PDB file of N, CA and C in Angstrom:
ATOM      1  N   MET A   1      15.027   5.081  23.205  1.00  0.00           N
ATOM      2  CA  MET A   1      14.156   5.122  22.236  1.00  0.00           C
ATOM      3  C   MET A   1      13.194   5.637  23.158  1.00  0.00           C
ATOM      4  N   ALA A   2      13.133   5.800  24.118  1.00  0.00           N
ATOM      5  CA  ALA A   2      11.880   6.598  24.663  1.00  0.00           C
ATOM      6  C   ALA A   2      12.332   7.899  24.440  1.00  0.00           C
ATOM      7  N   GLY A   3      13.296   8.281  24.931  1.00  0.00           N
ATOM      8  CA  GLY A   3      13.207   9.811  24.434  1.00  0.00           C
ATOM      9  C   GLY A   3      13.139  10.067  22.555  1.00  0.00           C
ATOM     10  N   GLU A   4      13.493   9.496  21.553  1.00  0.00           N
ATOM     11  CA  GLU A   4      13.255   9.522  20.498  1.00  0.00           C
ATOM     12  C   GLU A   4      12.013   9.437  20.229  1.00  0.00           C
ATOM     13  N   LEU A   5      11.081   8.943  20.783  1.00  0.00           N
ATOM     14  CA  LEU A   5       9.518   8.268  20.570  1.00  0.00           C
ATOM     15  C   LEU A   5       9.206   9.601  21.380  1.00  0.00           C
ATOM     16  N   SER A   6       9.697  10.404  22.421  1.00  0.00           N
ATOM     17  CA  SER A   6       9.064  11.638  22.764  1.00  0.00           C
ATOM     18  C   SER A   6       9.233  12.948  22.346  1.00  0.00           C
ATOM     19  N   ALA A   7      10.406  12.594  21.365  1.00  0.00           N
ATOM     20  CA  ALA A   7      10.411  13.880  20.443  1.00  0.00           C
ATOM     21  C   ALA A   7       9.592  13.700  19.330  1.00  0.00           C
ATOM     22  N   ILE A   8       9.394  12.958  19.022  1.00  0.00           N
ATOM     23  CA  ILE A   8       8.493  12.784  17.573  1.00  0.00           C
ATOM     24  C   ILE A   8       6.960  13.218  17.965  1.00  0.00           C
ATOM     25  N   LEU A   9       6.852  12.568  19.104  1.00  0.00           N
ATOM     26  CA  LEU A   9       5.359  13.324  19.819  1.00  0.00           C
ATOM     27  C   LEU A   9       5.406  14.672  19.667  1.00  0.00           C
ATOM     28  N   GLY A  10       6.433  15.476  20.424  1.00  0.00           N
ATOM     29  CA  GLY A  10       6.599  16.562  20.888  1.00  0.00           C
ATOM     30  C   GLY A  10       6.011  17.398  19.178  1.00  0.00           C
ATOM     31  N   HIS A  11       6.779  16.562  18.314  1.00  0.00           N
ATOM     32  CA  HIS A  11       6.804  17.224  17.011  1.00  0.00           C
ATOM     33  C   HIS A  11       5.473  17.314  16.537  1.00  0.00           C
ATOM     34  N   VAL A  12       4.573  16.265  16.705  1.00  0.00           N
ATOM     35  CA  VAL A  12       3.495  15.980  16.365  1.00  0.00           C
ATOM     36  C   VAL A  12       2.226  16.864  16.995  1.00  0.00           C
ATOM     37  N   GLU A  13       2.732  17.204  18.537  1.00  0.00           N
ATOM     38  CA  GLU A  13       1.996  18.485  18.847  1.00  0.00           C
ATOM     39  C   GLU A  13       1.805  19.636  18.383  1.00  0.00           C
ATOM     40  N   LYS A  14       3.535  19.861  17.938  1.00  0.00           N
ATOM     41  CA  LYS A  14       3.585  21.346  17.409  1.00  0.00           C
ATOM     42  C   LYS A  14       2.935  21.656  16.261  1.00  0.00           C
ATOM     43  N   LEU A  15       2.715  20.618  15.761  1.00  0.00           N
ATOM     44  CA  LEU A  15       1.641  20.201  14.285  1.00  0.00           C
ATOM     45  C   LEU A  15       0.426  20.548  14.507  1.00  0.00           C
ATOM     46  N   ALA A  16      -0.130  20.099  15.400  1.00  0.00           N
ATOM     47  CA  ALA A  16      -1.663  20.310  16.040  1.00  0.00           C
ATOM     48  C   ALA A  16      -1.698  21.659  16.191  1.00  0.00           C
ATOM     49  N   GLU A  17      -0.717  22.466  16.562  1.00  0.00           N
ATOM     50  CA  GLU A  17      -1.050  24.005  16.929  1.00  0.00           C
ATOM     51  C   GLU A  17      -1.507  24.666  15.702  1.00  0.00           C
ATOM     52  N   LEU A  18      -0.853  23.974  14.304  1.00  0.00           N
ATOM     53  CA  LEU A  18      -1.005  25.083  13.296  1.00  0.00           C
ATOM     54  C   LEU A  18      -2.446  25.345  12.740  1.00  0.00           C
ATOM     55  N   ASP A  19      -2.920  26.340  12.565  1.00  0.00           N
ATOM     56  CA  ASP A  19      -3.562  26.838  12.088  1.00  0.00           C
ATOM     57  C   ASP A  19      -4.100  26.468  10.439  1.00  0.00           C
ATOM     58  N   THR A  20      -5.180  25.633  10.922  1.00  0.00           N
ATOM     59  CA  THR A  20      -5.586  24.944   9.305  1.00  0.00           C
ATOM     60  C   THR A  20      -6.862  25.164   8.987  1.00  0.00           C
ATOM     61  N   GLU A  21      -7.441  26.426   9.122  1.00  0.00           N
ATOM     62  CA  GLU A  21      -8.335  26.403   9.012  1.00  0.00           C
ATOM     63  C   GLU A  21      -8.533  27.131   7.303  1.00  0.00           C
ATOM     64  N   GLY A  22      -9.345  26.844   6.625  1.00  0.00           N
ATOM     65  CA  GLY A  22      -9.478  27.158   5.242  1.00  0.00           C
ATOM     66  C   GLY A  22      -8.716  26.706   4.468  1.00  0.00           C
ATOM     67  N   VAL A  23      -8.274  25.236   4.912  1.00  0.00           N
ATOM     68  CA  VAL A  23      -6.982  24.896   3.901  1.00  0.00           C
ATOM     69  C   VAL A  23      -7.888  23.539   3.789  1.00  0.00           C
ATOM     70  N   ASP A  24      -7.875  23.412   2.456  1.00  0.00           N
ATOM     71  CA  ASP A  24      -8.390  22.216   1.903  1.00  0.00           C
ATOM     72  C   ASP A  24      -8.289  21.083   2.135  1.00  0.00           C
ATOM     73  N   ALA A  25      -9.083  20.139   2.730  1.00  0.00           N
ATOM     74  CA  ALA A  25      -7.995  18.418   3.082  1.00  0.00           C
ATOM     75  C   ALA A  25      -7.703  17.829   1.696  1.00  0.00           C
ATOM     76  N   ASP A  26      -7.816  17.925   0.421  1.00  0.00           N
ATOM     77  CA  ASP A  26      -7.307  17.788  -0.426  1.00  0.00           C
ATOM     78  C   ASP A  26      -6.111  18.338  -1.396  1.00  0.00           C
ATOM     79  N   PHE A  27      -5.536  19.335  -0.657  1.00  0.00           N
ATOM     80  CA  PHE A  27      -4.378  20.459  -0.946  1.00  0.00           C
ATOM     81  C   PHE A  27      -3.313  19.919  -1.348  1.00  0.00           C
ATOM     82  N   SER A  28      -3.062  20.576  -2.810  1.00  0.00           N
ATOM     83  CA  SER A  28      -1.939  19.955  -3.284  1.00  0.00           C
ATOM     84  C   SER A  28      -0.633  21.071  -3.291  1.00  0.00           C
ATOM     85  N   VAL A  29       0.729  20.442  -3.021  1.00  0.00           N
ATOM     86  CA  VAL A  29       1.557  21.605  -3.269  1.00  0.00           C
ATOM     87  C   VAL A  29       2.056  21.675  -4.498  1.00  0.00           C
ATOM     88  N   LEU A  30       1.307  21.261  -5.472  1.00  0.00           N
ATOM     89  CA  LEU A  30       2.057  21.423  -7.048  1.00  0.00           C
ATOM     90  C   LEU A  30       0.913  22.190  -7.223  1.00  0.00           C
ATOM     91  N   PRO A  31       1.052  23.362  -7.520  1.00  0.00           N
ATOM     92  CA  PRO A  31       0.105  24.594  -8.404  1.00  0.00           C
ATOM     93  C   PRO A  31      -0.748  23.726  -9.821  1.00  0.00           C
ATOM     94  N   GLY A  32      -2.055  23.916  -9.717  1.00  0.00           N
ATOM     95  CA  GLY A  32      -2.572  23.190 -11.076  1.00  0.00           C
ATOM     96  C   GLY A  32      -2.706  21.690 -10.981  1.00  0.00           C
ATOM     97  N   ILE A  33      -2.534  21.026  -9.993  1.00  0.00           N
ATOM     98  CA  ILE A  33      -2.474  19.494 -10.005  1.00  0.00           C
ATOM     99  C   ILE A  33      -3.133  19.170  -8.801  1.00  0.00           C
ATOM    100  N   PRO A  34      -4.802  19.253  -8.849  1.00  0.00           N
ATOM    101  CA  PRO A  34      -5.395  18.924  -7.671  1.00  0.00           C
ATOM    102  C   PRO A  34      -5.246  17.522  -7.276  1.00  0.00           C
ATOM    103  N   CYS A  35      -5.457  16.997  -5.971  1.00  0.00           N
ATOM    104  CA  CYS A  35      -5.089  15.499  -5.429  1.00  0.00           C
ATOM    105  C   CYS A  35      -6.357  14.875  -5.901  1.00  0.00           C
ATOM    106  N   ARG A  36      -6.691  13.842  -6.568  1.00  0.00           N
ATOM    107  CA  ARG A  36      -7.518  13.222  -6.935  1.00  0.00           C
ATOM    108  C   ARG A  36      -7.956  12.325  -6.472  1.00  0.00           C
ATOM    109  N   LEU A  37      -9.253  12.358  -5.389  1.00  0.00           N
ATOM    110  CA  LEU A  37      -9.844  11.282  -4.702  1.00  0.00           C
ATOM    111  C   LEU A  37     -10.719  10.311  -5.605  1.00  0.00           C
ATOM    112  N   ARG A  38     -10.832   9.031  -4.997  1.00  0.00           N
ATOM    113  CA  ARG A  38     -11.516   8.303  -5.681  1.00  0.00           C
ATOM    114  C   ARG A  38     -12.530   7.494  -4.605  1.00  0.00           C
ATOM    115  N   ASP A  39     -13.845   7.000  -5.030  1.00  0.00           N
ATOM    116  CA  ASP A  39     -14.478   6.078  -4.172  1.00  0.00           C
ATOM    117  C   ASP A  39     -13.995   4.938  -4.139  1.00  0.00           C
ATOM    118  N   ASP A  40     -13.831   4.466  -2.521  1.00  0.00           N
ATOM    119  CA  ASP A  40     -13.417   3.425  -2.244  1.00  0.00           C
ATOM    120  C   ASP A  40     -14.146   2.035  -2.706  1.00  0.00           C
ATOM    121  N   GLN A  41     -14.314   1.100  -3.621  1.00  0.00           N
ATOM    122  CA  GLN A  41     -15.300   0.074  -4.003  1.00  0.00           C
ATOM    123  C   GLN A  41     -14.460  -1.033  -4.383  1.00  0.00           C
ATOM    124  N   VAL A  42     -15.131  -1.886  -4.006  1.00  0.00           N
ATOM    125  CA  VAL A  42     -14.749  -3.960  -4.016  1.00  0.00           C
ATOM    126  C   VAL A  42     -15.461  -4.176  -5.767  1.00  0.00           C
ATOM    127  N   HIS A  43     -14.186  -4.537  -5.641  1.00  0.00           N
ATOM    128  CA  HIS A  43     -15.154  -5.252  -7.212  1.00  0.00           C
ATOM    129  C   HIS A  43     -13.857  -6.482  -7.651  1.00  0.00           C
ATOM    130  N   GLU A  44     -14.128  -7.756  -8.479  1.00  0.00           N
ATOM    131  CA  GLU A  44     -13.647  -8.381  -9.062  1.00  0.00           C
ATOM    132  C   GLU A  44     -12.605  -7.649  -9.783  1.00  0.00           C
ATOM    133  N   PRO A  45     -11.454  -8.883 -10.123  1.00  0.00           N
ATOM    134  CA  PRO A  45     -11.012  -7.863 -11.607  1.00  0.00           C
ATOM    135  C   PRO A  45     -11.383  -8.400 -12.478  1.00  0.00           C
ATOM    136  N   HIS A  46     -10.603  -7.618 -13.466  1.00  0.00           N
ATOM    137  CA  HIS A  46     -11.375  -7.578 -15.228  1.00  0.00           C
ATOM    138  C   HIS A  46     -11.001  -8.844 -15.578  1.00  0.00           C
ATOM    139  N   HIS A  47     -10.035  -9.522 -14.939  1.00  0.00           N
ATOM    140  CA  HIS A  47     -10.617 -11.049 -15.557  1.00  0.00           C
ATOM    141  C   HIS A  47      -9.765 -11.958 -14.710  1.00  0.00           C
ATOM    142  N   ARG A  48     -10.196 -13.585 -14.426  1.00  0.00           N
ATOM    143  CA  ARG A  48      -9.464 -13.999 -14.131  1.00  0.00           C
ATOM    144  C   ARG A  48      -9.190 -15.217 -14.355  1.00  0.00           C
ATOM    145  N   HIS A  49      -7.874 -15.900 -14.156  1.00  0.00           N
ATOM    146  CA  HIS A  49      -7.268 -16.899 -14.827  1.00  0.00           C
ATOM    147  C   HIS A  49      -7.499 -18.186 -14.401  1.00  0.00           C
ATOM    148  N   PRO A  50      -7.662 -19.027 -14.217  1.00  0.00           N
ATOM    149  CA  PRO A  50      -8.039 -20.543 -13.874  1.00  0.00           C
ATOM    150  C   PRO A  50      -6.745 -21.001 -13.271  1.00  0.00           C
ATOM    151  N   ARG A  51      -6.834 -21.615 -12.518  1.00  0.00           N
ATOM    152  CA  ARG A  51      -5.339 -22.233 -11.761  1.00  0.00           C
ATOM    153  C   ARG A  51      -4.983 -23.221 -12.896  1.00  0.00           C
ATOM    154  N   GLU A  52      -5.560 -23.685 -13.669  1.00  0.00           N
ATOM    155  CA  GLU A  52      -5.001 -24.712 -14.387  1.00  0.00           C
ATOM    156  C   GLU A  52      -3.969 -23.774 -15.360  1.00  0.00           C
ATOM    157  N   ASP A  53      -4.578 -23.001 -15.856  1.00  0.00           N
ATOM    158  CA  ASP A  53      -3.793 -21.944 -17.050  1.00  0.00           C
ATOM    159  C   ASP A  53      -2.725 -20.933 -16.120  1.00  0.00           C
ATOM    160  N   MET A  54      -2.686 -20.836 -14.995  1.00  0.00           N
ATOM    161  CA  MET A  54      -1.576 -20.283 -14.248  1.00  0.00           C
ATOM    162  C   MET A  54      -0.367 -21.373 -14.372  1.00  0.00           C
ATOM    163  N   LEU A  55      -0.944 -22.792 -14.163  1.00  0.00           N
ATOM    164  CA  LEU A  55       0.524 -23.109 -14.014  1.00  0.00           C
ATOM    165  C   LEU A  55       0.596 -24.140 -14.760  1.00  0.00           C
ATOM    166  N   ALA A  56      -0.048 -23.759 -16.012  1.00  0.00           N
ATOM    167  CA  ALA A  56       0.573 -24.958 -17.425  1.00  0.00           C
ATOM    168  C   ALA A  56       1.640 -24.430 -17.601  1.00  0.00           C
ATOM    169  N   ASN A  57       2.298 -23.411 -17.528  1.00  0.00           N
ATOM    170  CA  ASN A  57       3.919 -22.597 -18.073  1.00  0.00           C
ATOM    171  C   ASN A  57       4.624 -22.941 -16.626  1.00  0.00           C
ATOM    172  N   ALA A  58       4.810 -23.425 -15.925  1.00  0.00           N
ATOM    173  CA  ALA A  58       5.513 -23.646 -14.519  1.00  0.00           C
ATOM    174  C   ALA A  58       6.296 -24.989 -14.962  1.00  0.00           C
ATOM    175  N   PRO A  59       7.455 -24.689 -14.419  1.00  0.00           N
ATOM    176  CA  PRO A  59       8.366 -26.141 -14.649  1.00  0.00           C
ATOM    177  C   PRO A  59       8.347 -26.920 -13.823  1.00  0.00           C
ATOM    178  N   ALA A  60       7.669 -26.791 -12.611  1.00  0.00           N
ATOM    179  CA  ALA A  60       7.132 -27.772 -11.863  1.00  0.00           C
ATOM    180  C   ALA A  60       6.195 -27.398 -10.897  1.00  0.00           C
ATOM    181  N   THR A  61       5.343 -27.880 -10.686  1.00  0.00           N
ATOM    182  CA  THR A  61       3.948 -27.740  -9.719  1.00  0.00           C
ATOM    183  C   THR A  61       3.812 -29.200  -9.228  1.00  0.00           C
ATOM    184  N   ASP A  62       2.894 -29.343  -7.921  1.00  0.00           N
ATOM    185  CA  ASP A  62       2.870 -30.178  -6.917  1.00  0.00           C
ATOM    186  C   ASP A  62       1.132 -29.665  -6.589  1.00  0.00           C
ATOM    187  N   GLU A  63       0.097 -30.765  -6.772  1.00  0.00           N
ATOM    188  CA  GLU A  63      -0.712 -30.182  -5.720  1.00  0.00           C
ATOM    189  C   GLU A  63      -1.659 -29.091  -6.224  1.00  0.00           C
ATOM    190  N   GLY A  64      -1.278 -28.385  -7.408  1.00  0.00           N
ATOM    191  CA  GLY A  64      -2.005 -27.454  -7.650  1.00  0.00           C
ATOM    192  C   GLY A  64      -1.016 -25.828  -7.109  1.00  0.00           C
ATOM    193  N   PHE A  65      -0.067 -25.961  -6.967  1.00  0.00           N
ATOM    194  CA  PHE A  65       1.196 -24.836  -6.315  1.00  0.00           C
ATOM    195  C   PHE A  65       2.646 -25.114  -7.274  1.00  0.00           C
ATOM    196  N   PHE A  66       3.379 -23.782  -7.393  1.00  0.00           N
ATOM    197  CA  PHE A  66       4.389 -24.398  -8.330  1.00  0.00           C
ATOM    198  C   PHE A  66       5.398 -24.579  -7.331  1.00  0.00           C
ATOM    199  N   LEU A  67       6.294 -24.980  -7.543  1.00  0.00           N
ATOM    200  CA  LEU A  67       7.377 -25.569  -7.264  1.00  0.00           C
ATOM    201  C   LEU A  67       8.738 -24.681  -7.304  1.00  0.00           C
ATOM    202  N   VAL A  68       9.436 -24.377  -6.005  1.00  0.00           N
ATOM    203  CA  VAL A  68      10.468 -23.529  -6.518  1.00  0.00           C
ATOM    204  C   VAL A  68      11.351 -24.346  -5.910  1.00  0.00           C
ATOM    205  N   PRO A  69      13.156 -23.630  -6.228  1.00  0.00           N
ATOM    206  CA  PRO A  69      13.991 -24.028  -5.350  1.00  0.00           C
ATOM    207  C   PRO A  69      14.490 -24.087  -4.162  1.00  0.00           C
ATOM    208  N   LYS A  70      14.402 -24.693  -3.386  1.00  0.00           N
ATOM    209  CA  LYS A  70      14.681 -24.097  -1.571  1.00  0.00           C
ATOM    210  C   LYS A  70      16.081 -23.307  -1.110  1.00  0.00           C
ATOM    211  N   VAL A  71      15.485 -22.331  -0.987  1.00  0.00           N
ATOM    212  CA  VAL A  71      16.541 -21.155  -0.928  1.00  0.00           C
ATOM    213  C   VAL A  71      16.857 -20.977   0.638  1.00  0.00           C
ATOM    214  N   VAL A  72      16.182 -21.615   1.705  1.00  0.00           N
ATOM    215  CA  VAL A  72      16.673 -21.257   3.215  1.00  0.00           C
ATOM    216  C   VAL A  72      16.721 -22.970   3.568  1.00  0.00           C
ATOM    217  N   ASP A  73      17.565 -22.645   4.387  1.00  0.00           N
ATOM    218  CA  ASP A  73      17.781 -24.193   4.812  1.00  0.00           C
ATOM    219  C   ASP A  73      17.299 -24.154   6.714  1.00  0.00           C
ATOM    220  N   VAL A  74      16.452 -24.586   6.992  1.00  0.00           N
ATOM    221  CA  VAL A  74      15.900 -24.795   8.455  1.00  0.00           C
ATOM    222  C   VAL A  74      16.536 -25.608   9.285  1.00  0.00           C
TER     223      VAL A  74
END
């Protein structure tokens, strides 16, 4: 595995040798379709569902959680 990792790192070093002067950071390989960047913004979801509403149609619940069939024996 060390050999494979060395080969990967060698490839990355070759990429670092490429001349990227004048290449836009948001370059798109598809002509006419620019990469769209957005500002990272933290916001609340557009709507919130109370827990009781979410659990109302569940076939089985316990203390505010969905109950599901056991699928793994431990």
